[in-house]
Each structure stands twice: as C-alpha cells, then as structure tokens.
Amino acid sequence: MPPSAFMTPLDHQRREGERARVMMVASIRERSATAHNAVINDLSLHGCQVSNIFLRAGKPVWVRFGNLAPIEATVMWARGDQSGIRFNQALHPAVLDHVAAAARVR
C-alpha cells in the first residue's frame, strides 16, 4: 500500500508531496550546537522524518546528507527521539532522487 493509505486527512493537509521511505544517516545541527547523527526514515522535497535524535519543535536546524551542503530547516513536531523537519526551501528533484536512491527501503 502507498504511504498515503495510512494518512489521516489532517496528515494530507500538513504534508506537501510524496515521501520516499528511506533508511539513512544524516547529520543534524541546531543553532550554536554540535552536529549529531540521526536516522532519516522518510524524505520528500519539502522535509523528512528523523529518529534517534532529540529536537525541539519550532527550532531551526541544518540537515546534511553525506557530502551535500547543509540544508536549513525547521523542526515542525517532536515526540521523544522522533521529529518532523520541514526544509526552508524545497529540495531540487534531482537532489531528492540522488539522496533517496541509495537509501530507499524496498
């Protein structure tokens, strides 16, 4: 089943674009803090869901996928060690394809 089959109407209102299920590590840094590794669980042009890191909703963060430049983003929600992050500027589709290709869950 596609991921949208498990979404409520409210989820559809909050999310933009399709999300790719991935399993990869990215570096996340809060303002004036040291970067920490987190697990990226899904990824879209507009954001990602992360785990294995404690973040606070509303805070700015920078997300780095491998050798790519850091992406400025905002933590939209946080529950325990899981968070939803929205990129301040959407990823270019080619960047999304490149990042997700190696990490896609099949």
PDB file of N, CA and C in Angstrom:
ATOM      1  N   MET A   1       0.829  -1.189   0.000  1.00  0.00           N
ATOM      2  CA  MET A   1       0.000   0.000   0.000  1.00  0.00           C
ATOM      3  C   MET A   1       0.868   1.245   0.000  1.00  0.00           C
ATOM      4  N   PRO A   2       0.464   2.298  -0.686  1.00  0.00           N
ATOM      5  CA  PRO A   2       1.251   3.533  -0.663  1.00  0.00           C
ATOM      6  C   PRO A   2       1.176   4.182   0.714  1.00  0.00           C
ATOM      7  N   PRO A   3       2.192   5.004   1.086  1.00  0.00           N
ATOM      8  CA  PRO A   3       2.183   5.658   2.394  1.00  0.00           C
ATOM      9  C   PRO A   3       0.909   6.456   2.634  1.00  0.00           C
ATOM     10  N   SER A   4       0.310   7.001   1.584  1.00  0.00           N
ATOM     11  CA  SER A   4      -0.885   7.817   1.765  1.00  0.00           C
ATOM     12  C   SER A   4      -2.058   7.012   2.302  1.00  0.00           C
ATOM     13  N   ALA A   5      -2.027   5.686   2.158  1.00  0.00           N
ATOM     14  CA  ALA A   5      -3.109   4.852   2.667  1.00  0.00           C
ATOM     15  C   ALA A   5      -3.170   4.873   4.183  1.00  0.00           C
ATOM     16  N   PHE A   6      -2.087   5.237   4.829  1.00  0.00           N
ATOM     17  CA  PHE A   6      -2.030   5.257   6.281  1.00  0.00           C
ATOM     18  C   PHE A   6      -2.166   6.658   6.865  1.00  0.00           C
ATOM     19  N   MET A   7      -2.414   7.647   6.027  1.00  0.00           N
ATOM     20  CA  MET A   7      -2.508   9.036   6.474  1.00  0.00           C
ATOM     21  C   MET A   7      -3.948   9.427   6.747  1.00  0.00           C
ATOM     22  N   THR A   8      -4.120  10.252   7.753  1.00  0.00           N
ATOM     23  CA  THR A   8      -5.430  10.820   8.021  1.00  0.00           C
ATOM     24  C   THR A   8      -5.596  12.062   7.159  1.00  0.00           C
ATOM     25  N   PRO A   9      -6.824  12.589   7.032  1.00  0.00           N
ATOM     26  CA  PRO A   9      -6.999  13.834   6.262  1.00  0.00           C
ATOM     27  C   PRO A   9      -6.120  14.964   6.783  1.00  0.00           C
ATOM     28  N   LEU A  10      -5.912  15.032   8.095  1.00  0.00           N
ATOM     29  CA  LEU A  10      -5.074  16.082   8.660  1.00  0.00           C
ATOM     30  C   LEU A  10      -3.635  15.927   8.197  1.00  0.00           C
ATOM     31  N   ASP A  11      -3.136  14.679   8.111  1.00  0.00           N
ATOM     32  CA  ASP A  11      -1.777  14.454   7.620  1.00  0.00           C
ATOM     33  C   ASP A  11      -1.620  14.997   6.204  1.00  0.00           C
ATOM     34  N   HIS A  12      -2.618  14.769   5.351  1.00  0.00           N
ATOM     35  CA  HIS A  12      -2.555  15.265   3.973  1.00  0.00           C
ATOM     36  C   HIS A  12      -2.486  16.789   3.949  1.00  0.00           C
ATOM     37  N   GLN A  13      -3.169  17.449   4.869  1.00  0.00           N
ATOM     38  CA  GLN A  13      -3.148  18.911   4.906  1.00  0.00           C
ATOM     39  C   GLN A  13      -1.786  19.415   5.336  1.00  0.00           C
ATOM     40  N   ARG A  14      -1.098  18.704   6.213  1.00  0.00           N
ATOM     41  CA  ARG A  14       0.178  19.164   6.742  1.00  0.00           C
ATOM     42  C   ARG A  14       1.345  18.837   5.833  1.00  0.00           C
ATOM     43  N   ARG A  15       1.236  17.817   5.013  1.00  0.00           N
ATOM     44  CA  ARG A  15       2.356  17.370   4.191  1.00  0.00           C
ATOM     45  C   ARG A  15       2.232  17.879   2.771  1.00  0.00           C
ATOM     46  N   GLU A  16       3.376  18.153   2.198  1.00  0.00           N
ATOM     47  CA  GLU A  16       3.434  18.536   0.789  1.00  0.00           C
ATOM     48  C   GLU A  16       4.247  17.487   0.058  1.00  0.00           C
ATOM     49  N   GLY A  17       3.678  16.902  -0.964  1.00  0.00           N
ATOM     50  CA  GLY A  17       4.425  15.976  -1.802  1.00  0.00           C
ATOM     51  C   GLY A  17       4.505  14.577  -1.249  1.00  0.00           C
ATOM     52  N   GLU A  18       4.890  13.673  -2.122  1.00  0.00           N
ATOM     53  CA  GLU A  18       5.065  12.276  -1.766  1.00  0.00           C
ATOM     54  C   GLU A  18       6.353  12.097  -0.972  1.00  0.00           C
ATOM     55  N   ARG A  19       6.329  11.141  -0.058  1.00  0.00           N
ATOM     56  CA  ARG A  19       7.509  10.845   0.743  1.00  0.00           C
ATOM     57  C   ARG A  19       8.072   9.491   0.360  1.00  0.00           C
ATOM     58  N   ALA A  20       9.378   9.428   0.241  1.00  0.00           N
ATOM     59  CA  ALA A  20      10.059   8.167  -0.030  1.00  0.00           C
ATOM     60  C   ALA A  20      10.472   7.560   1.300  1.00  0.00           C
ATOM     61  N   ARG A  21      10.155   6.283   1.498  1.00  0.00           N
ATOM     62  CA  ARG A  21      10.627   5.590   2.695  1.00  0.00           C
ATOM     63  C   ARG A  21      12.099   5.277   2.492  1.00  0.00           C
ATOM     64  N   VAL A  22      12.921   5.783   3.389  1.00  0.00           N
ATOM     65  CA  VAL A  22      14.362   5.582   3.294  1.00  0.00           C
ATOM     66  C   VAL A  22      14.898   5.155   4.657  1.00  0.00           C
ATOM     67  N   MET A  23      16.114   4.689   4.667  1.00  0.00           N
ATOM     68  CA  MET A  23      16.822   4.385   5.911  1.00  0.00           C
ATOM     69  C   MET A  23      18.254   4.827   5.686  1.00  0.00           C
ATOM     70  N   MET A  24      18.600   5.973   6.288  1.00  0.00           N
ATOM     71  CA  MET A  24      19.938   6.519   6.098  1.00  0.00           C
ATOM     72  C   MET A  24      20.298   7.388   7.297  1.00  0.00           C
ATOM     73  N   VAL A  25      21.558   7.691   7.417  1.00  0.00           N
ATOM     74  CA  VAL A  25      22.034   8.573   8.476  1.00  0.00           C
ATOM     75  C   VAL A  25      22.346   9.938   7.874  1.00  0.00           C
ATOM     76  N   ALA A  26      21.939  10.979   8.583  1.00  0.00           N
ATOM     77  CA  ALA A  26      22.262  12.350   8.187  1.00  0.00           C
ATOM     78  C   ALA A  26      22.745  13.084   9.429  1.00  0.00           C
ATOM     79  N   SER A  27      23.446  14.153   9.211  1.00  0.00           N
ATOM     80  CA  SER A  27      23.941  14.989  10.297  1.00  0.00           C
ATOM     81  C   SER A  27      22.951  16.142  10.508  1.00  0.00           C
ATOM     82  N   ILE A  28      22.563  16.371  11.762  1.00  0.00           N
ATOM     83  CA  ILE A  28      21.629  17.458  12.080  1.00  0.00           C
ATOM     84  C   ILE A  28      22.260  18.330  13.154  1.00  0.00           C
ATOM     85  N   ARG A  29      22.199  19.632  12.906  1.00  0.00           N
ATOM     86  CA  ARG A  29      22.797  20.581  13.850  1.00  0.00           C
ATOM     87  C   ARG A  29      21.782  21.673  14.179  1.00  0.00           C
ATOM     88  N   GLU A  30      21.632  21.921  15.476  1.00  0.00           N
ATOM     89  CA  GLU A  30      20.834  23.059  15.932  1.00  0.00           C
ATOM     90  C   GLU A  30      21.751  24.274  15.984  1.00  0.00           C
ATOM     91  N   ARG A  31      21.163  25.460  15.998  1.00  0.00           N
ATOM     92  CA  ARG A  31      21.941  26.704  16.061  1.00  0.00           C
ATOM     93  C   ARG A  31      22.895  26.672  17.251  1.00  0.00           C
ATOM     94  N   SER A  32      24.136  27.042  17.020  1.00  0.00           N
ATOM     95  CA  SER A  32      25.171  27.124  18.057  1.00  0.00           C
ATOM     96  C   SER A  32      25.367  25.807  18.796  1.00  0.00           C
ATOM     97  N   ALA A  33      25.206  24.702  18.096  1.00  0.00           N
ATOM     98  CA  ALA A  33      25.373  23.389  18.733  1.00  0.00           C
ATOM     99  C   ALA A  33      26.211  22.495  17.830  1.00  0.00           C
ATOM    100  N   THR A  34      26.658  21.404  18.399  1.00  0.00           N
ATOM    101  CA  THR A  34      27.417  20.402  17.662  1.00  0.00           C
ATOM    102  C   THR A  34      26.459  19.553  16.829  1.00  0.00           C
ATOM    103  N   ALA A  35      26.883  19.146  15.666  1.00  0.00           N
ATOM    104  CA  ALA A  35      26.069  18.278  14.817  1.00  0.00           C
ATOM    105  C   ALA A  35      26.023  16.871  15.416  1.00  0.00           C
ATOM    106  N   HIS A  36      24.864  16.223  15.245  1.00  0.00           N
ATOM    107  CA  HIS A  36      24.661  14.851  15.711  1.00  0.00           C
ATOM    108  C   HIS A  36      24.067  14.032  14.575  1.00  0.00           C
ATOM    109  N   ASN A  37      24.392  12.757  14.555  1.00  0.00           N
ATOM    110  CA  ASN A  37      23.816  11.876  13.550  1.00  0.00           C
ATOM    111  C   ASN A  37      22.398  11.493  13.934  1.00  0.00           C
ATOM    112  N   ALA A  38      21.533  11.391  12.940  1.00  0.00           N
ATOM    113  CA  ALA A  38      20.152  10.968  13.118  1.00  0.00           C
ATOM    114  C   ALA A  38      19.795  10.018  11.987  1.00  0.00           C
ATOM    115  N   VAL A  39      18.773   9.223  12.199  1.00  0.00           N
ATOM    116  CA  VAL A  39      18.285   8.306  11.171  1.00  0.00           C
ATOM    117  C   VAL A  39      17.154   9.003  10.423  1.00  0.00           C
ATOM    118  N   ILE A  40      17.255   9.049   9.105  1.00  0.00           N
ATOM    119  CA  ILE A  40      16.191   9.597   8.263  1.00  0.00           C
ATOM    120  C   ILE A  40      15.288   8.432   7.877  1.00  0.00           C
ATOM    121  N   ASN A  41      13.995   8.547   8.215  1.00  0.00           N
ATOM    122  CA  ASN A  41      13.033   7.475   7.971  1.00  0.00           C
ATOM    123  C   ASN A  41      12.206   7.703   6.713  1.00  0.00           C
ATOM    124  N   ASP A  42      11.950   8.947   6.379  1.00  0.00           N
ATOM    125  CA  ASP A  42      11.301   9.258   5.112  1.00  0.00           C
ATOM    126  C   ASP A  42      11.756  10.626   4.660  1.00  0.00           C
ATOM    127  N   LEU A  43      11.614  10.862   3.357  1.00  0.00           N
ATOM    128  CA  LEU A  43      12.197  12.048   2.748  1.00  0.00           C
ATOM    129  C   LEU A  43      11.316  12.519   1.601  1.00  0.00           C
ATOM    130  N   SER A  44      11.110  13.826   1.512  1.00  0.00           N
ATOM    131  CA  SER A  44      10.371  14.413   0.396  1.00  0.00           C
ATOM    132  C   SER A  44      11.093  15.679  -0.045  1.00  0.00           C
ATOM    133  N   LEU A  45      10.556  16.325  -1.054  1.00  0.00           N
ATOM    134  CA  LEU A  45      11.119  17.596  -1.498  1.00  0.00           C
ATOM    135  C   LEU A  45      11.058  18.646  -0.395  1.00  0.00           C
ATOM    136  N   HIS A  46      10.098  18.521   0.504  1.00  0.00           N
ATOM    137  CA  HIS A  46       9.832  19.568   1.486  1.00  0.00           C
ATOM    138  C   HIS A  46      10.272  19.253   2.906  1.00  0.00           C
ATOM    139  N   GLY A  47      10.684  18.011   3.177  1.00  0.00           N
ATOM    140  CA  GLY A  47      11.086  17.696   4.537  1.00  0.00           C
ATOM    141  C   GLY A  47      11.400  16.230   4.736  1.00  0.00           C
ATOM    142  N   CYS A  48      11.561  15.882   6.014  1.00  0.00           N
ATOM    143  CA  CYS A  48      11.883  14.499   6.352  1.00  0.00           C
ATOM    144  C   CYS A  48      11.431  14.197   7.772  1.00  0.00           C
ATOM    145  N   GLN A  49      11.357  12.908   8.055  1.00  0.00           N
ATOM    146  CA  GLN A  49      11.099  12.465   9.413  1.00  0.00           C
ATOM    147  C   GLN A  49      12.375  11.832   9.915  1.00  0.00           C
ATOM    148  N   VAL A  50      12.792  12.191  11.129  1.00  0.00           N
ATOM    149  CA  VAL A  50      14.047  11.690  11.676  1.00  0.00           C
ATOM    150  C   VAL A  50      13.804  11.003  13.007  1.00  0.00           C
ATOM    151  N   SER A  51      14.722  10.122  13.378  1.00  0.00           N
ATOM    152  CA  SER A  51      14.683   9.489  14.695  1.00  0.00           C
ATOM    153  C   SER A  51      16.106   9.375  15.222  1.00  0.00           C
ATOM    154  N   ASN A  52      16.201   8.946  16.486  1.00  0.00           N
ATOM    155  CA  ASN A  52      17.485   8.776  17.146  1.00  0.00           C
ATOM    156  C   ASN A  52      18.158  10.114  17.455  1.00  0.00           C
ATOM    157  N   ILE A  53      17.341  11.166  17.609  1.00  0.00           N
ATOM    158  CA  ILE A  53      17.850  12.482  17.993  1.00  0.00           C
ATOM    159  C   ILE A  53      16.716  13.233  18.696  1.00  0.00           C
ATOM    160  N   PHE A  54      17.043  13.962  19.732  1.00  0.00           N
ATOM    161  CA  PHE A  54      16.043  14.729  20.477  1.00  0.00           C
ATOM    162  C   PHE A  54      16.106  16.187  20.042  1.00  0.00           C
ATOM    163  N   LEU A  55      15.041  16.644  19.395  1.00  0.00           N
ATOM    164  CA  LEU A  55      14.950  18.019  18.908  1.00  0.00           C
ATOM    165  C   LEU A  55      13.735  18.684  19.529  1.00  0.00           C
ATOM    166  N   ARG A  56      13.654  20.000  19.399  1.00  0.00           N
ATOM    167  CA  ARG A  56      12.513  20.751  19.932  1.00  0.00           C
ATOM    168  C   ARG A  56      11.746  21.414  18.797  1.00  0.00           C
ATOM    169  N   ALA A  57      10.440  21.256  18.818  1.00  0.00           N
ATOM    170  CA  ALA A  57       9.579  21.843  17.790  1.00  0.00           C
ATOM    171  C   ALA A  57       9.778  23.356  17.737  1.00  0.00           C
ATOM    172  N   GLY A  58       9.787  23.876  16.525  1.00  0.00           N
ATOM    173  CA  GLY A  58       9.929  25.305  16.303  1.00  0.00           C
ATOM    174  C   GLY A  58      11.358  25.781  16.162  1.00  0.00           C
ATOM    175  N   LYS A  59      12.312  24.927  16.423  1.00  0.00           N
ATOM    176  CA  LYS A  59      13.725  25.328  16.378  1.00  0.00           C
ATOM    177  C   LYS A  59      14.305  25.180  14.973  1.00  0.00           C
ATOM    178  N   PRO A  60      15.199  26.091  14.590  1.00  0.00           N
ATOM    179  CA  PRO A  60      15.889  25.934  13.303  1.00  0.00           C
ATOM    180  C   PRO A  60      16.977  24.870  13.419  1.00  0.00           C
ATOM    181  N   VAL A  61      17.177  24.123  12.344  1.00  0.00           N
ATOM    182  CA  VAL A  61      18.230  23.115  12.281  1.00  0.00           C
ATOM    183  C   VAL A  61      18.844  23.132  10.885  1.00  0.00           C
ATOM    184  N   TRP A  62      19.996  22.511  10.765  1.00  0.00           N
ATOM    185  CA  TRP A  62      20.658  22.321   9.470  1.00  0.00           C
ATOM    186  C   TRP A  62      20.845  20.826   9.288  1.00  0.00           C
ATOM    187  N   VAL A  63      20.395  20.317   8.145  1.00  0.00           N
ATOM    188  CA  VAL A  63      20.452  18.888   7.835  1.00  0.00           C
ATOM    189  C   VAL A  63      21.477  18.687   6.730  1.00  0.00           C
ATOM    190  N   ARG A  64      22.372  17.727   6.938  1.00  0.00           N
ATOM    191  CA  ARG A  64      23.395  17.438   5.920  1.00  0.00           C
ATOM    192  C   ARG A  64      23.304  15.965   5.534  1.00  0.00           C
ATOM    193  N   PHE A  65      23.067  15.738   4.237  1.00  0.00           N
ATOM    194  CA  PHE A  65      23.042  14.399   3.676  1.00  0.00           C
ATOM    195  C   PHE A  65      24.394  14.146   3.019  1.00  0.00           C
ATOM    196  N   GLY A  66      25.208  13.290   3.620  1.00  0.00           N
ATOM    197  CA  GLY A  66      26.513  12.951   3.051  1.00  0.00           C
ATOM    198  C   GLY A  66      27.376  14.179   2.825  1.00  0.00           C
ATOM    199  N   ASN A  67      27.880  14.330   1.598  1.00  0.00           N
ATOM    200  CA  ASN A  67      28.775  15.434   1.257  1.00  0.00           C
ATOM    201  C   ASN A  67      28.042  16.672   0.752  1.00  0.00           C
ATOM    202  N   LEU A  68      26.721  16.642   0.716  1.00  0.00           N
ATOM    203  CA  LEU A  68      25.967  17.793   0.216  1.00  0.00           C
ATOM    204  C   LEU A  68      26.022  18.946   1.210  1.00  0.00           C
ATOM    205  N   ALA A  69      25.796  20.144   0.725  1.00  0.00           N
ATOM    206  CA  ALA A  69      25.763  21.325   1.600  1.00  0.00           C
ATOM    207  C   ALA A  69      24.624  21.198   2.607  1.00  0.00           C
ATOM    208  N   PRO A  70      24.782  21.765   3.804  1.00  0.00           N
ATOM    209  CA  PRO A  70      23.711  21.713   4.796  1.00  0.00           C
ATOM    210  C   PRO A  70      22.443  22.407   4.281  1.00  0.00           C
ATOM    211  N   ILE A  71      21.310  21.861   4.670  1.00  0.00           N
ATOM    212  CA  ILE A  71      20.010  22.396   4.270  1.00  0.00           C
ATOM    213  C   ILE A  71      19.361  23.019   5.496  1.00  0.00           C
ATOM    214  N   GLU A  72      19.020  24.298   5.391  1.00  0.00           N
ATOM    215  CA  GLU A  72      18.361  24.976   6.505  1.00  0.00           C
ATOM    216  C   GLU A  72      16.925  24.495   6.602  1.00  0.00           C
ATOM    217  N   ALA A  73      16.469  24.214   7.830  1.00  0.00           N
ATOM    218  CA  ALA A  73      15.148  23.632   8.037  1.00  0.00           C
ATOM    219  C   ALA A  73      14.591  24.047   9.393  1.00  0.00           C
ATOM    220  N   THR A  74      13.347  23.651   9.656  1.00  0.00           N
ATOM    221  CA  THR A  74      12.681  23.943  10.928  1.00  0.00           C
ATOM    222  C   THR A  74      12.055  22.654  11.449  1.00  0.00           C
ATOM    223  N   VAL A  75      12.189  22.405  12.748  1.00  0.00           N
ATOM    224  CA  VAL A  75      11.545  21.250  13.377  1.00  0.00           C
ATOM    225  C   VAL A  75      10.064  21.590  13.547  1.00  0.00           C
ATOM    226  N   MET A  76       9.207  20.827  12.887  1.00  0.00           N
ATOM    227  CA  MET A  76       7.770  21.093  12.919  1.00  0.00           C
ATOM    228  C   MET A  76       7.072  20.392  14.079  1.00  0.00           C
ATOM    229  N   TRP A  77       7.554  19.214  14.443  1.00  0.00           N
ATOM    230  CA  TRP A  77       6.993  18.482  15.576  1.00  0.00           C
ATOM    231  C   TRP A  77       8.079  17.582  16.151  1.00  0.00           C
ATOM    232  N   ALA A  78       7.926  17.231  17.407  1.00  0.00           N
ATOM    233  CA  ALA A  78       8.883  16.347  18.069  1.00  0.00           C
ATOM    234  C   ALA A  78       8.148  15.516  19.115  1.00  0.00           C
ATOM    235  N   ARG A  79       8.398  14.214  19.080  1.00  0.00           N
ATOM    236  CA  ARG A  79       7.858  13.273  20.066  1.00  0.00           C
ATOM    237  C   ARG A  79       8.982  12.330  20.455  1.00  0.00           C
ATOM    238  N   GLY A  80       9.502  12.501  21.653  1.00  0.00           N
ATOM    239  CA  GLY A  80      10.624  11.672  22.076  1.00  0.00           C
ATOM    240  C   GLY A  80      11.803  11.884  21.147  1.00  0.00           C
ATOM    241  N   ASP A  81      12.332  10.771  20.616  1.00  0.00           N
ATOM    242  CA  ASP A  81      13.506  10.895  19.731  1.00  0.00           C
ATOM    243  C   ASP A  81      13.115  10.960  18.255  1.00  0.00           C
ATOM    244  N   GLN A  82      11.843  11.230  17.953  1.00  0.00           N
ATOM    245  CA  GLN A  82      11.389  11.357  16.570  1.00  0.00           C
ATOM    246  C   GLN A  82      10.905  12.774  16.306  1.00  0.00           C
ATOM    247  N   SER A  83      11.183  13.265  15.112  1.00  0.00           N
ATOM    248  CA  SER A  83      10.797  14.633  14.753  1.00  0.00           C
ATOM    249  C   SER A  83      10.461  14.722  13.276  1.00  0.00           C
ATOM    250  N   GLY A  84       9.624  15.695  12.959  1.00  0.00           N
ATOM    251  CA  GLY A  84       9.337  16.039  11.576  1.00  0.00           C
ATOM    252  C   GLY A  84      10.023  17.351  11.246  1.00  0.00           C
ATOM    253  N   ILE A  85      10.738  17.381  10.153  1.00  0.00           N
ATOM    254  CA  ILE A  85      11.526  18.551   9.773  1.00  0.00           C
ATOM    255  C   ILE A  85      11.049  19.056   8.413  1.00  0.00           C
ATOM    256  N   ARG A  86      10.863  20.367   8.305  1.00  0.00           N
ATOM    257  CA  ARG A  86      10.474  20.986   7.037  1.00  0.00           C
ATOM    258  C   ARG A  86      11.646  21.821   6.534  1.00  0.00           C
ATOM    259  N   PHE A  87      12.058  21.558   5.287  1.00  0.00           N
ATOM    260  CA  PHE A  87      13.137  22.331   4.689  1.00  0.00           C
ATOM    261  C   PHE A  87      12.642  23.739   4.394  1.00  0.00           C
ATOM    262  N   ASN A  88      13.462  24.742   4.665  1.00  0.00           N
ATOM    263  CA  ASN A  88      13.059  26.128   4.398  1.00  0.00           C
ATOM    264  C   ASN A  88      12.893  26.384   2.907  1.00  0.00           C
ATOM    265  N   GLN A  89      13.670  25.692   2.090  1.00  0.00           N
ATOM    266  CA  GLN A  89      13.497  25.727   0.634  1.00  0.00           C
ATOM    267  C   GLN A  89      13.441  24.288   0.156  1.00  0.00           C
ATOM    268  N   ALA A  90      12.507  24.014  -0.716  1.00  0.00           N
ATOM    269  CA  ALA A  90      12.344  22.644  -1.222  1.00  0.00           C
ATOM    270  C   ALA A  90      13.627  22.155  -1.886  1.00  0.00           C
ATOM    271  N   LEU A  91      13.874  20.857  -1.752  1.00  0.00           N
ATOM    272  CA  LEU A  91      14.993  20.248  -2.457  1.00  0.00           C
ATOM    273  C   LEU A  91      14.718  20.261  -3.956  1.00  0.00           C
ATOM    274  N   HIS A  92      15.751  20.353  -4.740  1.00  0.00           N
ATOM    275  CA  HIS A  92      15.611  20.174  -6.179  1.00  0.00           C
ATOM    276  C   HIS A  92      15.288  18.694  -6.402  1.00  0.00           C
ATOM    277  N   PRO A  93      14.371  18.365  -7.320  1.00  0.00           N
ATOM    278  CA  PRO A  93      14.020  16.959  -7.544  1.00  0.00           C
ATOM    279  C   PRO A  93      15.223  16.050  -7.816  1.00  0.00           C
ATOM    280  N   ALA A  94      16.244  16.547  -8.509  1.00  0.00           N
ATOM    281  CA  ALA A  94      17.434  15.731  -8.779  1.00  0.00           C
ATOM    282  C   ALA A  94      18.195  15.417  -7.487  1.00  0.00           C
ATOM    283  N   VAL A  95      18.211  16.368  -6.554  1.00  0.00           N
ATOM    284  CA  VAL A  95      18.872  16.133  -5.261  1.00  0.00           C
ATOM    285  C   VAL A  95      18.111  15.071  -4.485  1.00  0.00           C
ATOM    286  N   LEU A  96      16.777  15.186  -4.456  1.00  0.00           N
ATOM    287  CA  LEU A  96      15.962  14.175  -3.777  1.00  0.00           C
ATOM    288  C   LEU A  96      16.222  12.797  -4.378  1.00  0.00           C
ATOM    289  N   ASP A  97      16.213  12.689  -5.689  1.00  0.00           N
ATOM    290  CA  ASP A  97      16.446  11.406  -6.353  1.00  0.00           C
ATOM    291  C   ASP A  97      17.813  10.841  -5.986  1.00  0.00           C
ATOM    292  N   HIS A  98      18.828  11.693  -5.986  1.00  0.00           N
ATOM    293  CA  HIS A  98      20.194  11.263  -5.671  1.00  0.00           C
ATOM    294  C   HIS A  98      20.287  10.743  -4.237  1.00  0.00           C
ATOM    295  N   VAL A  99      19.747  11.505  -3.293  1.00  0.00           N
ATOM    296  CA  VAL A  99      19.825  11.126  -1.875  1.00  0.00           C
ATOM    297  C   VAL A  99      19.000   9.876  -1.608  1.00  0.00           C
ATOM    298  N   ALA A 100      17.790   9.828  -2.135  1.00  0.00           N
ATOM    299  CA  ALA A 100      16.881   8.709  -1.834  1.00  0.00           C
ATOM    300  C   ALA A 100      17.277   7.420  -2.539  1.00  0.00           C
ATOM    301  N   ALA A 101      17.925   7.515  -3.689  1.00  0.00           N
ATOM    302  CA  ALA A 101      18.247   6.319  -4.480  1.00  0.00           C
ATOM    303  C   ALA A 101      19.067   5.307  -3.689  1.00  0.00           C
ATOM    304  N   ALA A 102      20.037   5.791  -2.951  1.00  0.00           N
ATOM    305  CA  ALA A 102      20.926   4.888  -2.209  1.00  0.00           C
ATOM    306  C   ALA A 102      20.312   4.414  -0.894  1.00  0.00           C
ATOM    307  N   ALA A 103      19.268   5.086  -0.431  1.00  0.00           N
ATOM    308  CA  ALA A 103      18.740   4.797   0.895  1.00  0.00           C
ATOM    309  C   ALA A 103      17.300   4.297   0.893  1.00  0.00           C
ATOM    310  N   ARG A 104      16.726   4.121  -0.265  1.00  0.00           N
ATOM    311  CA  ARG A 104      15.308   3.738  -0.365  1.00  0.00           C
ATOM    312  C   ARG A 104      15.064   2.354   0.248  1.00  0.00           C
ATOM    313  N   VAL A 105      13.997   2.265   1.056  1.00  0.00           N
ATOM    314  CA  VAL A 105      13.574   0.986   1.629  1.00  0.00           C
ATOM    315  C   VAL A 105      12.732   0.273   0.590  1.00  0.00           C
ATOM    316  N   ARG A 106      13.071  -0.931   0.291  1.00  0.00           N
ATOM    317  CA  ARG A 106      12.361  -1.677  -0.758  1.00  0.00           C
ATOM    318  C   ARG A 106      11.405  -2.670  -0.165  1.00  0.00           C
TER     319      ARG A 106
END
